[in-house]
C-alpha atoms as a PDB file:
ATOM      1  CA  MET A   1      98.441 -15.919-127.910  1.00  0.00           C
ATOM      2  CA  SER A   2      98.535 -15.765-124.163  1.00  0.00           C
ATOM      3  CA  ILE A   3     102.312 -16.224-124.082  1.00  0.00           C
ATOM      4  CA  GLU A   4     104.629 -13.215-124.105  1.00  0.00           C
ATOM      5  CA  GLU A   5     107.004 -13.389-127.080  1.00  0.00           C
ATOM      6  CA  ILE A   6     110.317 -11.504-127.089  1.00  0.00           C
ATOM      7  CA  ILE A   7     112.811 -10.882-129.929  1.00  0.00           C
ATOM      8  CA  HIS A   8     116.501 -11.260-128.987  1.00  0.00           C
ATOM      9  CA  PRO A   9     119.602 -10.841-131.197  1.00  0.00           C
ATOM     10  CA  LEU A  10     121.596 -14.045-131.764  1.00  0.00           C
ATOM     11  CA  ASP A  11     124.828 -12.396-132.884  1.00  0.00           C
ATOM     12  CA  ALA A  12     126.810  -9.328-131.856  1.00  0.00           C
ATOM     13  CA  ALA A  13     126.212  -7.594-135.192  1.00  0.00           C
ATOM     14  CA  GLY A  14     122.443  -7.852-134.775  1.00  0.00           C
ATOM     15  CA  THR A  15     121.796  -9.494-138.131  1.00  0.00           C
ATOM     16  CA  ILE A  16     120.034 -12.635-136.875  1.00  0.00           C
ATOM     17  CA  TYR A  17     117.312 -12.613-134.232  1.00  0.00           C
ATOM     18  CA  ALA A  18     115.315 -15.246-132.363  1.00  0.00           C
ATOM     19  CA  ILE A  19     111.792 -15.141-130.978  1.00  0.00           C
ATOM     20  CA  HIS A  20     111.577 -16.574-127.461  1.00  0.00           C
ATOM     21  CA  ASP A  21     108.438 -17.352-125.514  1.00  0.00           C
ATOM     22  CA  SER A  22     108.024 -16.676-121.797  1.00  0.00           C
ATOM     23  CA  ASN A  23     109.536 -20.104-121.014  1.00  0.00           C
ATOM     24  CA  GLY A  24     112.727 -19.317-122.963  1.00  0.00           C
ATOM     25  CA  ASN A  25     111.922 -21.661-125.862  1.00  0.00           C
ATOM     26  CA  VAL A  26     112.919 -20.530-129.352  1.00  0.00           C
ATOM     27  CA  ILE A  27     109.825 -20.094-131.531  1.00  0.00           C
ATOM     28  CA  GLY A  28     111.633 -18.915-134.681  1.00  0.00           C
ATOM     29  CA  THR A  29     114.731 -17.207-136.061  1.00  0.00           C
ATOM     30  CA  GLY A  30     115.514 -14.819-138.892  1.00  0.00           C
ATOM     31  CA  THR A  31     116.158 -11.170-139.587  1.00  0.00           C
ATOM     32  CA  ARG A  32     114.466  -8.561-137.404  1.00  0.00           C
ATOM     33  CA  GLU A  33     111.813  -8.040-140.076  1.00  0.00           C
ATOM     34  CA  VAL A  34     111.103 -11.779-140.353  1.00  0.00           C
ATOM     35  CA  CYS A  35     110.721 -12.062-136.577  1.00  0.00           C
ATOM     36  CA  GLU A  36     108.345  -9.088-136.489  1.00  0.00           C
ATOM     37  CA  ILE A  37     106.220 -10.640-139.250  1.00  0.00           C
ATOM     38  CA  LEU A  38     106.173 -13.992-137.422  1.00  0.00           C
ATOM     39  CA  LEU A  39     105.038 -12.252-134.233  1.00  0.00           C
ATOM     40  CA  TYR A  40     102.293 -10.518-136.189  1.00  0.00           C
ATOM     41  CA  ILE A  41     101.129 -13.826-137.691  1.00  0.00           C
ATOM     42  CA  ILE A  42     101.229 -15.563-134.304  1.00  0.00           C
ATOM     43  CA  GLY A  43      99.277 -12.754-132.642  1.00  0.00           C
ATOM     44  CA  THR A  44      96.617 -12.349-135.336  1.00  0.00           C
ATOM     45  CA  PRO A  45      93.408 -14.280-134.638  1.00  0.00           C
ATOM     46  CA  GLN A  46      92.543 -16.594-137.493  1.00  0.00           C
ATOM     47  CA  ALA A  47      89.157 -16.328-139.198  1.00  0.00           C
ATOM     48  CA  THR A  48      87.928 -19.854-138.519  1.00  0.00           C
ATOM     49  CA  ASN A  49      84.180 -19.243-138.794  1.00  0.00           C
ATOM     50  CA  MET A  50      84.121 -18.142-142.414  1.00  0.00           C
ATOM     51  CA  PRO A  51      81.285 -19.655-144.461  1.00  0.00           C
ATOM     52  CA  GLY A  52      82.467 -22.331-146.869  1.00  0.00           C
ATOM     53  CA  ARG A  53      85.762 -22.826-145.090  1.00  0.00           C
ATOM     54  CA  ILE A  54      86.768 -26.356-144.162  1.00  0.00           C
ATOM     55  CA  ASN A  55      88.809 -26.586-140.980  1.00  0.00           C
ATOM     56  CA  VAL A  56      91.364 -29.360-141.200  1.00  0.00           C
ATOM     57  CA  PRO A  57      93.335 -30.064-138.022  1.00  0.00           C
ATOM     58  CA  MET A  58      97.046 -29.639-138.626  1.00  0.00           C
ATOM     59  CA  GLU A  59      99.751 -31.337-136.644  1.00  0.00           C
ATOM     60  CA  ARG A  60     102.287 -28.949-135.096  1.00  0.00           C
ATOM     61  CA  ARG A  61     105.876 -29.836-135.853  1.00  0.00           C
ATOM     62  CA  PRO A  62     108.223 -28.959-132.987  1.00  0.00           C
ATOM     63  CA  ASN A  63     111.358 -29.366-135.107  1.00  0.00           C
ATOM     64  CA  VAL A  64     110.492 -26.568-137.587  1.00  0.00           C
ATOM     65  CA  ARG A  65     112.034 -23.521-135.959  1.00  0.00           C
ATOM     66  CA  SER A  66     114.259 -21.400-138.109  1.00  0.00           C
ATOM     67  CA  ALA A  67     113.993 -19.426-141.305  1.00  0.00           C
ATOM     68  CA  ILE A  68     117.793 -19.143-141.540  1.00  0.00           C
ATOM     69  CA  ALA A  69     120.110 -22.090-140.967  1.00  0.00           C
ATOM     70  CA  ILE A  70     122.646 -21.274-138.267  1.00  0.00           C
END
């Protein structure tokens, strides 16, 4: 992605983190490990030109944000 993502702690104990984009929007929440995996998935280019693969456009859902309910 061309947007800079940053992981910030949501609580003082550092058990829950949030991924923020450069505009300050929350992309996702979870443990530090979950946020690191989400950043990896977001930053990995998808193999869209594989033979035999059918590309189906998927609608992005802005209300799906967190892995842990806060």
